[in-house]
Protein backbone atom coordinates (compact mmCIF):
# COMPACT_ATOMS: atom_id res chain seq x y z
CA MET A 1 23.27 -0.96 15.57
CA ASN A 2 22.77 -4.34 16.85
CA ARG A 3 21.88 -7.46 14.20
CA ASP A 4 17.99 -7.18 14.78
CA GLU A 5 17.97 -3.30 13.57
CA ILE A 6 20.33 -4.02 10.31
CA VAL A 7 17.97 -6.54 9.49
CA ARG A 8 14.89 -3.97 9.46
CA VAL A 9 16.86 -1.55 7.39
CA ILE A 10 17.50 -4.17 5.07
CA GLU A 11 14.02 -5.59 4.70
CA ALA A 12 12.81 -1.92 4.61
CA LEU A 13 15.30 -1.57 1.98
CA TRP A 14 13.99 -4.43 0.01
CA ARG A 15 10.92 -2.82 -0.03
CA ILE A 16 11.90 0.03 -1.50
CA GLU A 17 14.80 -0.75 -3.73
CA SER A 18 14.13 -4.32 -4.83
CA ALA A 19 12.10 -3.60 -7.84
CA ARG A 20 14.34 -1.37 -9.23
CA ILE A 21 17.46 -3.39 -8.64
CA ILE A 22 15.37 -6.66 -10.39
CA ALA A 23 14.50 -4.23 -13.38
CA LYS A 24 17.94 -3.44 -13.91
CA LEU A 25 19.69 -6.54 -13.69
CA ALA A 26 17.00 -8.34 -15.85
CA ARG A 27 17.30 -5.63 -18.39
CA MET A 28 21.32 -7.03 -18.27
CA LEU A 29 20.69 -10.59 -17.79
CA ARG A 30 17.30 -10.67 -20.19
CA ASN A 31 16.25 -13.19 -17.60
CA VAL A 32 14.01 -12.59 -14.99
CA GLY A 33 14.97 -15.84 -13.05
CA PRO A 34 17.99 -15.25 -12.52
CA ALA A 35 17.69 -11.06 -11.87
CA GLU A 36 15.53 -12.13 -8.72
CA GLU A 37 18.15 -14.58 -7.44
CA ILE A 38 21.30 -12.27 -7.48
CA ALA A 39 19.08 -9.66 -6.12
CA GLN A 40 18.23 -12.09 -2.72
CA ASP A 41 21.75 -12.64 -3.12
CA THR A 42 22.93 -9.46 -2.82
CA TRP A 43 20.83 -8.66 0.28
CA LEU A 44 22.06 -11.60 2.44
CA ALA A 45 25.45 -10.28 1.16
CA ALA A 46 24.02 -6.53 2.77
CA LEU A 47 23.28 -8.64 5.68
CA GLN A 48 26.59 -10.39 6.50
CA GLN A 49 28.43 -7.30 5.40
CA TRP A 50 26.58 -4.61 7.03
CA THR A 51 26.54 -6.64 10.91
CA GLU A 52 30.23 -6.69 10.52
CA THR A 53 30.85 -3.22 9.24
CA GLY A 54 27.70 -1.02 9.73
CA VAL A 55 25.21 0.27 7.16
CA PRO A 56 26.98 2.37 4.37
CA GLU A 57 26.23 6.29 3.93
CA ASN A 58 24.22 5.22 0.80
CA PRO A 59 22.49 1.98 1.39
CA GLY A 60 20.64 1.82 -1.72
CA ALA A 61 23.56 2.76 -4.26
CA TRP A 62 25.84 0.09 -2.32
CA LEU A 63 22.29 -2.49 -2.98
CA MET A 64 22.25 -1.51 -6.75
CA THR A 65 26.43 -1.43 -7.24
CA THR A 66 26.77 -4.84 -5.59
CA ALA A 67 24.26 -6.40 -8.00
CA LYS A 68 25.29 -4.99 -11.31
CA ASN A 69 28.80 -6.46 -10.36
CA ARG A 70 27.18 -9.70 -9.90
CA GLY A 71 25.15 -10.00 -12.85
CA ILE A 72 28.10 -8.58 -14.86
CA ASP A 73 30.44 -11.77 -13.14
CA GLN A 74 27.42 -13.59 -14.29
CA LEU A 75 27.32 -12.57 -17.78
CA ARG A 76 30.83 -12.56 -18.36
CA ARG A 77 30.88 -16.20 -17.39
CA GLN A 78 27.61 -17.25 -19.54
CA ARG A 79 30.08 -15.24 -21.95
CA LEU A 80 32.68 -17.71 -21.57
CA LEU A 81 31.26 -20.67 -22.34
CA GLU A 82 29.73 -19.20 -25.20
CA ARG A 83 33.25 -18.58 -26.38
CA LYS A 84 34.21 -21.99 -25.60
CA SER A 85 31.30 -23.36 -26.95
CA ALA A 86 31.66 -21.40 -30.50
CA MET A 87 35.41 -22.51 -31.16
CA MET A 88 34.45 -26.53 -30.57
CA ALA A 89 31.87 -25.60 -32.71
CA HIS A 90 34.56 -23.14 -35.04
CA ASP A 91 31.78 -20.78 -36.13
CA PRO A 92 34.08 -17.35 -36.73
CA ASP A 93 30.82 -15.66 -36.56
CA LEU A 94 30.29 -15.91 -32.73
CA LEU A 95 33.95 -15.85 -31.99
CA GLY A 96 34.06 -12.15 -33.47
CA SER A 97 30.86 -10.85 -31.95
CA GLN A 98 30.90 -7.70 -30.19
CA ASP A 99 31.52 -8.73 -26.31
CA PHE A 100 28.06 -8.52 -25.09
CA VAL A 101 28.97 -7.81 -21.05
CA GLY A 102 30.01 -4.70 -22.34
CA GLU A 103 27.66 -3.58 -23.77
CA SER A 104 25.19 -4.80 -20.69
CA ALA A 105 27.37 -3.18 -18.31
CA SER A 106 27.97 0.20 -20.15
CA THR A 107 24.59 0.89 -21.44
CA ALA A 108 22.79 4.01 -19.73
CA GLU A 109 19.23 3.83 -19.48
CA ASP A 110 16.71 5.08 -17.22
CA VAL A 111 15.25 3.20 -13.73
CA ALA A 112 12.13 4.37 -15.06
CA ASP A 113 11.87 2.22 -18.48
CA ASP A 114 13.75 -0.37 -16.75
CA LEU A 115 10.46 -0.72 -14.21
CA LEU A 116 8.03 -0.31 -16.80
CA ARG A 117 10.03 -3.23 -18.68
CA LEU A 118 9.69 -5.42 -15.42
CA ILE A 119 6.02 -4.54 -15.20
CA PHE A 120 4.97 -5.78 -18.57
CA VAL A 121 7.27 -8.94 -18.09
CA ALA A 122 5.75 -9.18 -14.99
CA CYS A 123 2.28 -9.26 -16.22
CA HIS A 124 2.58 -10.83 -19.57
CA PRO A 125 -0.46 -12.86 -20.94
CA VAL A 126 1.52 -15.95 -21.45
CA LEU A 127 1.63 -16.63 -17.59
CA SER A 128 -2.14 -17.45 -15.63
CA MET A 129 -3.65 -14.74 -14.06
CA GLU A 130 -2.38 -16.25 -10.33
CA GLY A 131 1.35 -16.29 -11.49
CA ARG A 132 0.97 -12.91 -12.48
CA VAL A 133 -0.13 -11.80 -9.62
CA SER A 134 1.92 -13.66 -7.08
CA LEU A 135 5.00 -12.61 -9.66
CA THR A 136 3.82 -8.89 -9.49
CA LEU A 137 3.69 -8.67 -5.84
CA ARG A 138 7.07 -10.58 -5.38
CA LEU A 139 9.39 -8.31 -8.38
CA LEU A 140 7.55 -4.89 -8.19
CA GLY A 141 5.77 -5.47 -4.75
CA GLY A 142 8.60 -6.76 -2.61
CA LEU A 143 6.70 -9.12 -0.72
CA THR A 144 7.67 -12.06 0.75
CA PRO A 145 6.37 -15.79 -0.62
CA ALA A 146 4.71 -15.61 2.93
CA GLU A 147 3.43 -12.30 2.47
CA ILE A 148 1.94 -13.06 -0.58
CA ALA A 149 0.32 -16.41 0.50
CA ARG A 150 -1.46 -14.42 4.17
CA ALA A 151 -2.99 -12.28 1.20
CA PHE A 152 -4.80 -14.64 -0.49
CA LEU A 153 -5.23 -17.18 1.89
CA THR A 154 -3.18 -20.03 0.55
CA SER A 155 0.39 -21.72 1.46
CA GLU A 156 3.84 -20.09 1.25
CA SER A 157 4.84 -23.40 -0.89
CA ALA A 158 1.72 -23.05 -3.31
CA ILE A 159 2.98 -18.77 -3.85
CA GLN A 160 6.44 -20.38 -4.23
CA GLN A 161 5.19 -22.90 -6.89
CA ARG A 162 3.57 -20.55 -8.81
CA ILE A 163 6.47 -17.90 -8.41
CA VAL A 164 8.74 -20.39 -9.83
CA ARG A 165 6.67 -21.55 -12.80
CA ALA A 166 5.95 -18.20 -13.56
CA LYS A 167 9.67 -17.30 -13.98
CA ARG A 168 10.26 -21.03 -15.79
CA THR A 169 7.28 -19.91 -18.31
CA LEU A 170 8.85 -16.31 -19.07
CA GLY A 171 11.97 -18.35 -19.77
CA GLU A 172 10.83 -21.00 -21.98
CA ALA A 173 8.63 -18.62 -24.09
CA ARG A 174 11.73 -16.30 -24.45
CA VAL A 175 9.76 -13.21 -23.59
CA PRO A 176 11.82 -10.08 -23.69
CA PHE A 177 12.86 -7.61 -21.46
CA GLU A 178 11.17 -5.21 -23.31
CA VAL A 179 8.21 -2.84 -23.87
CA PRO A 180 6.22 -3.90 -26.48
CA GLY A 181 5.46 -2.10 -29.69
CA ALA A 182 2.87 -0.46 -31.05
CA SER A 183 0.65 -3.58 -32.72
CA GLU A 184 0.44 -5.67 -29.27
CA ARG A 185 0.97 -2.65 -26.64
CA ALA A 186 -2.76 -2.51 -25.58
CA GLN A 187 -3.19 -5.69 -25.39
CA ARG A 188 -0.18 -6.14 -22.82
CA LEU A 189 -1.32 -2.68 -21.12
CA GLU A 190 -4.76 -4.07 -20.71
CA SER A 191 -3.18 -7.04 -19.17
CA VAL A 192 -0.98 -5.30 -16.67
CA LEU A 193 -3.66 -3.11 -15.57
CA GLU A 194 -6.62 -6.51 -15.39
CA VAL A 195 -3.29 -7.46 -12.59
CA ILE A 196 -3.36 -4.54 -10.85
CA TYR A 197 -7.31 -4.43 -10.24
CA LEU A 198 -7.51 -7.54 -9.24
CA ILE A 199 -4.78 -6.88 -6.15
CA PHE A 200 -7.07 -4.19 -5.56
CA ASN A 201 -10.56 -6.01 -5.31
CA GLU A 202 -9.11 -8.35 -3.43
CA GLY A 203 -8.19 -5.83 -0.80
CA TYR A 204 -10.96 -4.16 -1.49
CA ALA A 205 -13.85 -7.06 -0.97
CA ALA A 206 -11.94 -10.23 -0.01
CA THR A 207 -13.29 -13.25 -1.54
CA ALA A 208 -12.65 -15.25 1.65
CA GLY A 209 -11.35 -15.26 5.12
CA GLU A 210 -12.54 -14.20 7.76
CA GLU A 211 -12.11 -10.05 7.16
CA TRP A 212 -13.81 -8.54 4.58
CA ILE A 213 -11.50 -5.87 3.73
CA ARG A 214 -7.67 -5.88 3.73
CA PRO A 215 -6.24 -2.40 3.25
CA ALA A 216 -2.79 -3.30 2.42
CA LEU A 217 -3.30 -5.13 -1.04
CA CYS A 218 -4.97 -2.30 -1.75
CA GLU A 219 -2.42 0.16 -0.75
CA GLU A 220 0.33 -1.73 -2.90
CA ALA A 221 -2.13 -2.00 -5.93
CA LEU A 222 -2.50 1.95 -5.54
CA ARG A 223 1.17 2.01 -5.13
CA LEU A 224 1.80 -0.23 -8.34
CA GLY A 225 -0.85 2.29 -10.26
CA ARG A 226 0.42 5.11 -9.48
CA ILE A 227 4.40 3.81 -10.18
CA LEU A 228 3.04 2.76 -13.60
CA ALA A 229 1.03 6.43 -14.07
CA GLU A 230 4.09 7.84 -13.92
CA LEU A 231 5.91 5.29 -16.22
CA ALA A 232 3.10 5.76 -18.88
CA PRO A 233 2.25 8.88 -18.64
CA ASN A 234 -0.01 9.31 -21.82
CA GLU A 235 -2.48 5.84 -21.35
CA PRO A 236 -5.53 7.41 -20.60
CA GLU A 237 -6.91 3.99 -18.88
CA VAL A 238 -4.14 3.73 -16.84
CA HIS A 239 -5.10 7.42 -14.92
CA GLY A 240 -8.64 5.40 -15.76
CA LEU A 241 -7.58 2.83 -13.03
CA VAL A 242 -5.51 4.69 -10.82
CA ALA A 243 -8.69 7.05 -10.55
CA LEU A 244 -11.18 3.92 -9.79
CA MET A 245 -8.69 2.80 -7.09
CA GLU A 246 -7.95 6.15 -5.39
CA LEU A 247 -11.88 6.76 -5.48
CA GLN A 248 -12.95 3.50 -3.94
CA ALA A 249 -10.33 3.28 -1.47
CA SER A 250 -11.36 6.49 -0.02
CA ARG A 251 -14.51 4.79 1.76
CA THR A 252 -11.94 2.23 3.45
CA PRO A 253 -12.58 4.19 6.57
CA ALA A 254 -16.39 4.00 6.30
CA ARG A 255 -17.10 0.04 5.36
CA VAL A 256 -16.33 -1.31 8.65
CA ASN A 257 -17.29 -0.70 12.03
CA THR A 258 -15.00 -1.12 15.06
CA SER A 259 -15.72 -5.21 15.23
CA GLY A 260 -14.74 -5.25 11.42
CA GLU A 261 -18.60 -5.83 9.92
CA PRO A 262 -19.33 -4.68 6.90
CA ILE A 263 -21.26 -1.44 6.52
CA LEU A 264 -22.60 -1.50 2.84
CA LEU A 265 -22.36 1.83 0.31
CA LEU A 266 -25.51 3.61 1.08
CA LYS A 267 -25.51 3.00 4.98
CA GLN A 268 -21.59 4.45 5.25
CA ASN A 269 -20.70 7.95 7.10
CA ARG A 270 -19.47 9.63 4.45
CA THR A 271 -17.98 12.37 6.46
CA LEU A 272 -15.45 9.45 7.32
CA TRP A 273 -14.62 8.95 3.36
CA ASP A 274 -10.86 10.22 2.59
CA HIS A 275 -11.06 13.40 1.15
CA LEU A 276 -7.23 13.35 0.46
CA LEU A 277 -7.74 10.63 -2.16
CA ILE A 278 -10.75 11.66 -3.52
CA ARG A 279 -8.87 14.54 -4.95
CA ARG A 280 -6.75 12.32 -6.08
CA GLY A 281 -8.95 10.37 -7.70
CA PHE A 282 -10.56 13.77 -9.29
CA ALA A 283 -7.12 14.23 -10.97
CA ALA A 284 -6.60 10.86 -12.19
CA LEU A 285 -10.05 10.87 -13.81
CA ALA A 286 -9.51 14.35 -14.97
CA ARG A 287 -6.06 13.41 -17.02
CA ALA A 288 -7.88 10.20 -18.34
CA GLN A 289 -10.39 12.68 -19.88
CA SER A 290 -8.61 14.56 -21.09
CA SER A 291 -7.59 12.63 -24.05
CA GLU A 292 -8.90 12.92 -27.32
CA HIS A 293 -10.27 8.90 -27.25
CA PRO A 294 -13.33 7.67 -25.84
CA LEU A 295 -13.33 6.39 -22.46
CA GLY A 296 -12.10 3.06 -21.50
CA PRO A 297 -13.80 0.73 -18.93
CA TYR A 298 -11.41 1.53 -16.20
CA SER A 299 -12.27 5.50 -16.62
CA LEU A 300 -15.99 4.61 -17.14
CA GLN A 301 -16.13 2.88 -13.80
CA ALA A 302 -13.93 5.59 -11.93
CA ALA A 303 -17.02 8.48 -13.62
CA ILE A 304 -19.30 6.11 -11.55
CA ALA A 305 -17.03 6.05 -8.12
CA ALA A 306 -16.98 10.09 -8.56
CA CYS A 307 -20.84 10.73 -8.68
CA HIS A 308 -20.86 8.47 -5.33
CA ALA A 309 -17.58 11.05 -4.30
CA ARG A 310 -19.47 13.74 -5.27
CA ALA A 311 -22.64 13.13 -3.30
CA GLY A 312 -22.70 14.18 0.27
CA THR A 313 -25.25 11.52 0.88
CA SER A 314 -26.82 8.67 -0.97
CA GLU A 315 -30.05 10.20 -1.71
CA GLU A 316 -28.32 12.97 -3.52
CA THR A 317 -26.62 10.62 -5.50
CA ASP A 318 -26.83 11.44 -9.13
CA TRP A 319 -28.38 7.84 -10.03
CA PRO A 320 -29.76 8.64 -13.61
CA ARG A 321 -25.79 9.79 -14.77
CA ILE A 322 -24.59 6.60 -13.25
CA VAL A 323 -27.39 4.22 -14.92
CA ALA A 324 -26.12 5.73 -18.48
CA LEU A 325 -22.91 5.27 -17.48
CA TYR A 326 -23.23 1.89 -16.82
CA ASP A 327 -25.44 1.69 -20.39
CA ALA A 328 -21.89 2.97 -22.23
CA LEU A 329 -19.97 0.32 -20.02
CA HIS A 330 -21.93 -2.75 -21.26
CA GLU A 331 -21.65 -1.30 -24.90
CA LEU A 332 -18.18 -1.60 -24.59
CA GLN A 333 -17.27 -4.03 -22.38
CA PRO A 334 -20.70 -6.43 -22.09
CA SER A 335 -21.19 -8.84 -19.08
CA PRO A 336 -23.46 -10.53 -16.82
CA ILE A 337 -21.78 -8.67 -13.81
CA VAL A 338 -21.94 -4.80 -15.42
CA SER A 339 -25.66 -5.60 -15.91
CA LEU A 340 -26.12 -6.44 -12.27
CA ASN A 341 -24.60 -3.65 -11.39
CA ARG A 342 -26.29 -1.65 -13.57
CA ALA A 343 -29.66 -2.67 -12.25
CA VAL A 344 -28.86 -1.76 -8.77
CA ALA A 345 -28.27 1.82 -9.96
CA VAL A 346 -31.59 1.50 -11.67
CA SER A 347 -33.53 0.96 -8.48
CA MET A 348 -32.35 3.60 -7.12
CA ALA A 349 -32.97 5.82 -9.99
CA TYR A 350 -36.08 4.18 -11.11
CA GLY A 351 -37.38 1.56 -8.47
CA PRO A 352 -37.01 -1.48 -7.51
CA ALA A 353 -39.67 -3.10 -10.06
CA ALA A 354 -37.37 -1.92 -13.15
CA ALA A 355 -34.79 -3.57 -11.44
CA LEU A 356 -35.87 -6.68 -10.66
CA GLU A 357 -36.88 -7.92 -14.15
CA ILE A 358 -33.35 -7.25 -14.88
CA VAL A 359 -32.27 -9.17 -12.06
CA ASP A 360 -34.52 -11.95 -13.18
CA ASP A 361 -33.43 -12.02 -16.59
CA LEU A 362 -30.10 -12.55 -15.19
CA ARG A 363 -31.10 -15.83 -13.21
CA ASN A 364 -30.54 -17.80 -16.19
CA GLU A 365 -26.99 -16.48 -16.92
CA SER A 366 -24.39 -19.41 -16.84
CA ARG A 367 -21.83 -17.24 -15.35
CA LEU A 368 -23.92 -16.15 -12.44
CA ARG A 369 -25.10 -19.29 -11.73
CA ASP A 370 -22.49 -19.28 -8.15
CA TYR A 371 -22.04 -15.67 -8.30
CA HIS A 372 -23.44 -14.65 -4.87
CA LEU A 373 -24.20 -11.23 -5.38
CA LEU A 374 -26.52 -12.17 -7.50
CA PRO A 375 -29.27 -13.76 -5.14
CA SER A 376 -27.82 -10.61 -2.53
CA VAL A 377 -28.76 -7.86 -5.06
CA ARG A 378 -32.12 -9.62 -6.18
CA GLY A 379 -32.71 -10.18 -1.93
CA ASP A 380 -32.39 -6.36 -1.13
CA LEU A 381 -34.92 -5.73 -4.13
CA LEU A 382 -37.47 -8.36 -2.80
CA GLU A 383 -36.85 -7.08 0.59
CA ARG A 384 -37.73 -3.63 -0.33
CA LEU A 385 -40.70 -4.50 -2.13
CA GLY A 386 -42.20 -5.89 0.99
CA ARG A 387 -41.67 -9.71 -0.87
CA PHE A 388 -39.40 -10.27 3.10
CA GLU A 389 -40.19 -14.49 2.59
CA GLU A 390 -38.67 -14.61 -0.69
CA ALA A 391 -36.14 -11.80 0.38
CA GLY A 392 -35.05 -14.17 3.42
CA ALA A 393 -34.33 -17.09 0.77
CA GLU A 394 -32.54 -15.48 -1.48
CA PHE A 395 -30.03 -13.95 1.42
CA SER A 396 -29.50 -17.43 2.33
CA ARG A 397 -28.38 -18.50 -0.70
CA ALA A 398 -26.11 -15.68 -0.92
CA ALA A 399 -24.66 -16.43 2.44
CA SER A 400 -24.25 -20.52 1.23
CA LEU A 401 -21.97 -18.86 -1.70
CA THR A 402 -20.15 -16.44 -0.40
CA ALA A 403 -16.70 -17.76 1.28
CA ASN A 404 -15.74 -14.84 2.82
CA ALA A 405 -16.82 -14.93 6.46
CA ARG A 406 -18.19 -11.03 7.42
CA GLU A 407 -20.20 -11.14 4.57
CA ARG A 408 -21.92 -14.45 5.02
CA SER A 409 -22.33 -12.87 8.34
CA LEU A 410 -23.89 -9.60 7.03
CA LEU A 411 -25.87 -11.49 4.80
CA LEU A 412 -27.31 -13.55 7.49
CA GLU A 413 -28.38 -10.97 9.54
CA ARG A 414 -30.52 -9.90 6.26
CA MET A 415 -32.14 -13.25 6.33
CA ALA A 416 -33.18 -13.30 9.64
CA ALA A 417 -34.42 -9.88 9.51
CA CYS A 418 -36.65 -10.85 6.49
CA ASP A 419 -38.08 -13.46 8.44
CA PRO A 420 -42.58 -12.47 9.19
CA ARG A 421 -41.96 -12.68 13.15
CA ALA A 422 -39.36 -9.95 12.56
CA VAL A 423 -41.07 -7.24 10.48
CA ARG A 424 -43.99 -7.85 12.79
CA LEU A 425 -41.92 -6.64 15.58
CA ASN A 426 -40.42 -4.08 13.26
């Protein structure tokens, strides 16, 4: 095996093994920053040694053992410094304490527990959302800063800075490497789910750039969600989020044409939807619904997605059911975006005029002032009511607000179709 082949093997192993190794090291060192540095040093050591001796029979075990040994060495150096400091300060309590290195090295805990701890640390609320997303993709997804930068259309240096700041913030805040206790678990879990769904949404409908969808980000979010569902099987909202992502991801083959142009939900060829993902989504939703607790926001959104997945055509969709689910979602988590999505369902269930009243009330909502989907939805409703000139103006405004080239092109096409001359020709 030549050097290039060995590099490809190591890169593939990084994606598979890095999260487990970093999680193990972070538990030993109680610090994510040094854990990642040792993990990267281990990969460099593998590249150097395997180029000379070949890839070992069990490369994953080699990496884990080498990383643990390097972690133990660092702990011993740290312990030695602490003892010297204690001797200088004449601290008998510290001198007589139990050797931390031996305890950390010999404690046997499931890899699953370490991964769960790492997820909660990477998504800690003390970090900015940008920091949480970048650190999660780096530590748990195994993505390089360059790959993360490409996914979010920013520079590699910006991503590197976010990761460095995030690790420094965790260290300065002395965030413990542990699964949060019952008192704060719900809040911390909410942060984890928010990060995963943000990653998914950026892949599902990119906020900027030349492509409307980025399947790789959707797949990474799904992978993280599935891992979390295995690690926290008794958390219904985890299954709700997985169900939502599975069902939404099932539409991917039908969401763009061969040129990459968006195809809206009502016009999609549903025979192209991925039925394996739909079945997985239904199964995850059933797990969420089996809980004795009321459905949470992700589970309610998954139930809405399930209504679409069960319908062979848009006409067969149970739109009144979707309106009712949006009512429940708004009661649980009121927001103008939920109201806007509800308006779309109302237009399908009860007509565009009823929906337009809702949308018009939202025009004074400050949080939607620069949200391109507000004029987009309003334009659609006006077009369906035959008010083409007004609809064209709304589509034009929506196009000016979106940063995604594909979406802008679609909105401008819809604007042009509302031109009185085009309407007369049709």
